[in-house]
Amino acid sequence: MSRSLKKGPYIDERLMGKLQGVKRGDKTAIKTWARRATITPEMVGFTFAVHNGKEFLPVSVREEMVGHKLGEFSPSKKFVRHGGKGTKEAARKKK
């Protein structure tokens, strides 16, 4: 469910402050814990290191990402394969 149009998108002020100190296209990642911050057009071209609860994952912002949240591109849960006959056979073939 999106935020109301009256309120506008949530943008973390500290994150925007960090953005002012870095040049566009610079390879240094901007560390952030603000997974709920909405990606704005000013963020395009920057690399963010988004915390997923355990480590910082690099996220390079492109134009297609505008309007989404930073946390969408830094998965916080690891997918564990489901068990079953097919999984066991695949594990045997790898060995």
N, C-alpha and C. Protein backbone atom coordinates (compact mmCIF):
# COMPACT_ATOMS: atom_id res chain seq x y z
N MET A 1 0.84 -1.16 0.00
CA MET A 1 0.00 0.00 0.00
C MET A 1 0.89 1.24 0.00
N SER A 2 0.64 2.15 -0.86
CA SER A 2 1.50 3.32 -0.99
C SER A 2 1.09 4.43 -0.02
N ARG A 3 1.95 5.37 0.13
CA ARG A 3 1.71 6.52 1.00
C ARG A 3 0.72 7.45 0.31
N SER A 4 -0.05 8.21 1.08
CA SER A 4 -1.07 9.07 0.48
C SER A 4 -0.43 10.18 -0.35
N LEU A 5 -1.13 10.62 -1.36
CA LEU A 5 -0.61 11.68 -2.23
C LEU A 5 -0.49 13.01 -1.49
N LYS A 6 -1.34 13.20 -0.50
CA LYS A 6 -1.30 14.43 0.28
C LYS A 6 0.03 14.56 1.03
N LYS A 7 0.52 13.44 1.58
CA LYS A 7 1.77 13.45 2.34
C LYS A 7 3.00 13.45 1.43
N GLY A 8 2.92 12.80 0.31
CA GLY A 8 4.06 12.70 -0.59
C GLY A 8 4.96 11.54 -0.21
N PRO A 9 5.99 11.27 -1.01
CA PRO A 9 6.87 10.13 -0.74
C PRO A 9 7.76 10.40 0.48
N TYR A 10 8.13 9.32 1.17
CA TYR A 10 9.05 9.45 2.30
C TYR A 10 10.47 9.49 1.78
N ILE A 11 11.18 10.54 2.14
CA ILE A 11 12.58 10.70 1.76
C ILE A 11 13.36 11.01 3.02
N ASP A 12 14.36 10.20 3.33
CA ASP A 12 15.15 10.39 4.54
C ASP A 12 16.04 11.62 4.36
N GLU A 13 15.92 12.59 5.29
CA GLU A 13 16.68 13.84 5.18
C GLU A 13 18.17 13.63 5.34
N ARG A 14 18.56 12.71 6.23
CA ARG A 14 19.99 12.45 6.42
C ARG A 14 20.60 11.84 5.16
N LEU A 15 19.82 11.01 4.47
CA LEU A 15 20.30 10.39 3.24
C LEU A 15 20.51 11.45 2.15
N MET A 16 19.58 12.39 2.07
CA MET A 16 19.72 13.47 1.08
C MET A 16 20.91 14.37 1.42
N GLY A 17 21.20 14.54 2.71
CA GLY A 17 22.37 15.30 3.12
C GLY A 17 23.67 14.62 2.71
N LYS A 18 23.71 13.30 2.86
CA LYS A 18 24.88 12.53 2.42
C LYS A 18 25.05 12.61 0.91
N LEU A 19 23.93 12.69 0.21
CA LEU A 19 23.94 12.74 -1.25
C LEU A 19 24.58 14.03 -1.76
N GLN A 20 24.43 15.11 -1.02
CA GLN A 20 24.99 16.41 -1.41
C GLN A 20 26.52 16.40 -1.39
N GLY A 21 27.12 15.57 -0.53
CA GLY A 21 28.57 15.54 -0.40
C GLY A 21 29.29 14.64 -1.39
N VAL A 22 28.55 13.93 -2.24
CA VAL A 22 29.15 12.99 -3.18
C VAL A 22 28.84 13.44 -4.61
N LYS A 23 29.83 13.27 -5.49
CA LYS A 23 29.63 13.63 -6.90
C LYS A 23 28.90 12.52 -7.64
N ARG A 24 28.10 12.89 -8.63
CA ARG A 24 27.36 11.91 -9.43
C ARG A 24 28.34 11.05 -10.23
N GLY A 25 28.12 9.74 -10.22
CA GLY A 25 28.97 8.80 -10.94
C GLY A 25 30.16 8.34 -10.12
N ASP A 26 30.32 8.85 -8.90
CA ASP A 26 31.41 8.44 -8.03
C ASP A 26 31.18 6.98 -7.60
N LYS A 27 32.23 6.19 -7.53
CA LYS A 27 32.11 4.76 -7.24
C LYS A 27 31.95 4.47 -5.75
N THR A 28 32.16 5.47 -4.88
CA THR A 28 32.01 5.22 -3.45
C THR A 28 30.53 5.04 -3.12
N ALA A 29 30.25 4.04 -2.30
CA ALA A 29 28.87 3.75 -1.93
C ALA A 29 28.48 4.58 -0.70
N ILE A 30 27.26 5.06 -0.70
CA ILE A 30 26.72 5.83 0.42
C ILE A 30 26.03 4.84 1.34
N LYS A 31 26.56 4.65 2.55
CA LYS A 31 25.98 3.69 3.50
C LYS A 31 24.68 4.23 4.06
N THR A 32 23.67 3.36 4.13
CA THR A 32 22.39 3.77 4.69
C THR A 32 21.65 2.59 5.30
N TRP A 33 20.89 2.90 6.34
CA TRP A 33 19.98 1.94 6.95
C TRP A 33 18.54 2.26 6.55
N ALA A 34 18.34 3.32 5.78
CA ALA A 34 17.01 3.81 5.42
C ALA A 34 16.43 3.00 4.27
N ARG A 35 15.98 1.79 4.56
CA ARG A 35 15.40 0.91 3.54
C ARG A 35 14.04 1.43 3.07
N ARG A 36 13.35 2.20 3.90
CA ARG A 36 12.02 2.68 3.56
C ARG A 36 12.02 3.97 2.74
N ALA A 37 13.19 4.54 2.49
CA ALA A 37 13.29 5.78 1.73
C ALA A 37 12.95 5.53 0.25
N THR A 38 12.14 6.41 -0.30
CA THR A 38 11.75 6.31 -1.70
C THR A 38 12.87 6.83 -2.59
N ILE A 39 13.12 6.17 -3.70
CA ILE A 39 14.16 6.59 -4.64
C ILE A 39 13.62 7.75 -5.47
N THR A 40 14.35 8.84 -5.50
CA THR A 40 13.96 10.04 -6.24
C THR A 40 14.85 10.21 -7.47
N PRO A 41 14.46 11.06 -8.41
CA PRO A 41 15.31 11.28 -9.60
C PRO A 41 16.70 11.84 -9.27
N GLU A 42 16.85 12.53 -8.13
CA GLU A 42 18.16 13.06 -7.74
C GLU A 42 19.15 11.94 -7.38
N MET A 43 18.64 10.76 -7.07
CA MET A 43 19.49 9.63 -6.65
C MET A 43 20.03 8.82 -7.81
N VAL A 44 19.54 9.05 -9.01
CA VAL A 44 19.96 8.27 -10.18
C VAL A 44 21.44 8.49 -10.45
N GLY A 45 22.17 7.40 -10.63
CA GLY A 45 23.59 7.47 -10.92
C GLY A 45 24.47 7.24 -9.70
N PHE A 46 23.89 7.20 -8.52
CA PHE A 46 24.65 6.98 -7.30
C PHE A 46 24.58 5.51 -6.89
N THR A 47 25.53 5.10 -6.06
CA THR A 47 25.54 3.75 -5.51
C THR A 47 25.32 3.84 -4.01
N PHE A 48 24.35 3.09 -3.51
CA PHE A 48 24.03 3.07 -2.09
C PHE A 48 24.38 1.70 -1.53
N ALA A 49 24.90 1.69 -0.31
CA ALA A 49 25.14 0.43 0.41
C ALA A 49 23.99 0.30 1.40
N VAL A 50 23.00 -0.51 1.06
CA VAL A 50 21.78 -0.64 1.86
C VAL A 50 21.93 -1.81 2.82
N HIS A 51 21.65 -1.56 4.08
CA HIS A 51 21.78 -2.60 5.11
C HIS A 51 20.60 -3.55 5.04
N ASN A 52 20.88 -4.85 5.06
CA ASN A 52 19.80 -5.84 4.98
C ASN A 52 19.57 -6.55 6.31
N GLY A 53 20.17 -6.05 7.37
CA GLY A 53 20.04 -6.66 8.69
C GLY A 53 21.30 -7.37 9.10
N LYS A 54 22.13 -7.71 8.14
CA LYS A 54 23.37 -8.42 8.43
C LYS A 54 24.58 -7.71 7.81
N GLU A 55 24.43 -7.26 6.57
CA GLU A 55 25.53 -6.63 5.86
C GLU A 55 25.00 -5.54 4.93
N PHE A 56 25.90 -4.78 4.35
CA PHE A 56 25.51 -3.73 3.41
C PHE A 56 25.64 -4.27 1.99
N LEU A 57 24.57 -4.21 1.23
CA LEU A 57 24.58 -4.67 -0.15
C LEU A 57 24.58 -3.46 -1.09
N PRO A 58 25.46 -3.45 -2.09
CA PRO A 58 25.51 -2.30 -3.00
C PRO A 58 24.31 -2.28 -3.95
N VAL A 59 23.72 -1.10 -4.11
CA VAL A 59 22.59 -0.90 -5.00
C VAL A 59 22.90 0.29 -5.89
N SER A 60 23.08 0.06 -7.18
CA SER A 60 23.30 1.15 -8.13
C SER A 60 21.94 1.60 -8.66
N VAL A 61 21.63 2.86 -8.46
CA VAL A 61 20.31 3.38 -8.81
C VAL A 61 20.25 3.75 -10.28
N ARG A 62 19.22 3.23 -10.96
CA ARG A 62 18.97 3.54 -12.37
C ARG A 62 17.61 4.23 -12.49
N GLU A 63 17.29 4.72 -13.66
CA GLU A 63 16.03 5.45 -13.87
C GLU A 63 14.80 4.59 -13.61
N GLU A 64 14.87 3.30 -13.90
CA GLU A 64 13.72 2.42 -13.72
C GLU A 64 13.35 2.26 -12.25
N MET A 65 14.27 2.57 -11.34
CA MET A 65 14.05 2.36 -9.91
C MET A 65 13.33 3.53 -9.24
N VAL A 66 13.17 4.64 -9.92
CA VAL A 66 12.55 5.83 -9.33
C VAL A 66 11.12 5.50 -8.91
N GLY A 67 10.79 5.85 -7.68
CA GLY A 67 9.46 5.58 -7.14
C GLY A 67 9.41 4.35 -6.26
N HIS A 68 10.42 3.49 -6.35
CA HIS A 68 10.48 2.30 -5.51
C HIS A 68 11.22 2.64 -4.22
N LYS A 69 11.26 1.70 -3.29
CA LYS A 69 11.98 1.88 -2.03
C LYS A 69 13.36 1.25 -2.14
N LEU A 70 14.33 1.78 -1.38
CA LEU A 70 15.69 1.24 -1.41
C LEU A 70 15.72 -0.21 -0.93
N GLY A 71 14.89 -0.55 0.02
CA GLY A 71 14.89 -1.90 0.58
C GLY A 71 14.45 -2.97 -0.39
N GLU A 72 13.75 -2.58 -1.45
CA GLU A 72 13.30 -3.57 -2.43
C GLU A 72 14.46 -4.20 -3.18
N PHE A 73 15.58 -3.52 -3.23
CA PHE A 73 16.73 -3.99 -4.01
C PHE A 73 17.83 -4.57 -3.13
N SER A 74 17.55 -4.74 -1.85
CA SER A 74 18.48 -5.34 -0.91
C SER A 74 17.72 -6.39 -0.11
N PRO A 75 17.65 -7.63 -0.62
CA PRO A 75 16.84 -8.65 0.04
C PRO A 75 17.35 -8.96 1.45
N SER A 76 16.40 -9.05 2.38
CA SER A 76 16.77 -9.28 3.77
C SER A 76 16.60 -10.74 4.18
N LYS A 77 15.98 -11.53 3.34
CA LYS A 77 15.79 -12.94 3.65
C LYS A 77 16.45 -13.80 2.60
N LYS A 78 17.12 -14.85 3.04
CA LYS A 78 17.79 -15.77 2.13
C LYS A 78 16.85 -16.92 1.80
N PHE A 79 16.68 -17.21 0.54
CA PHE A 79 15.81 -18.31 0.13
C PHE A 79 16.53 -19.62 0.37
N VAL A 80 15.90 -20.50 1.12
CA VAL A 80 16.42 -21.84 1.38
C VAL A 80 15.61 -22.79 0.51
N ARG A 81 16.29 -23.64 -0.21
CA ARG A 81 15.59 -24.56 -1.12
C ARG A 81 14.60 -25.43 -0.37
N HIS A 82 13.53 -25.74 -1.04
CA HIS A 82 12.54 -26.64 -0.48
C HIS A 82 13.04 -28.07 -0.65
N GLY A 83 12.71 -28.88 0.29
CA GLY A 83 13.14 -30.28 0.23
C GLY A 83 12.31 -31.07 -0.75
N GLY A 84 12.62 -32.32 -0.89
CA GLY A 84 11.87 -33.19 -1.78
C GLY A 84 12.79 -34.06 -2.58
N LYS A 85 12.18 -34.89 -3.38
CA LYS A 85 12.92 -35.87 -4.17
C LYS A 85 13.84 -35.18 -5.19
N GLY A 86 13.35 -34.16 -5.86
CA GLY A 86 14.15 -33.47 -6.87
C GLY A 86 15.37 -32.78 -6.30
N THR A 87 15.26 -32.24 -5.12
CA THR A 87 16.38 -31.55 -4.47
C THR A 87 17.46 -32.55 -4.08
N LYS A 88 17.07 -33.70 -3.55
CA LYS A 88 18.04 -34.70 -3.17
C LYS A 88 18.82 -35.21 -4.37
N GLU A 89 18.13 -35.42 -5.48
CA GLU A 89 18.79 -35.90 -6.70
C GLU A 89 19.75 -34.87 -7.24
N ALA A 90 19.37 -33.61 -7.19
CA ALA A 90 20.25 -32.54 -7.68
C ALA A 90 21.50 -32.43 -6.83
N ALA A 91 21.35 -32.64 -5.52
CA ALA A 91 22.50 -32.58 -4.62
C ALA A 91 23.47 -33.73 -4.89
N ARG A 92 22.92 -34.90 -5.20
CA ARG A 92 23.77 -36.06 -5.51
C ARG A 92 24.54 -35.84 -6.81
N LYS A 93 23.90 -35.25 -7.81
CA LYS A 93 24.56 -35.02 -9.09
C LYS A 93 25.69 -34.03 -8.97
N LYS A 94 25.55 -33.04 -8.08
CA LYS A 94 26.62 -32.06 -7.88
C LYS A 94 27.87 -32.70 -7.28
N LYS A 95 27.67 -33.70 -6.42
CA LYS A 95 28.81 -34.37 -5.77
C LYS A 95 29.45 -35.28 -6.76
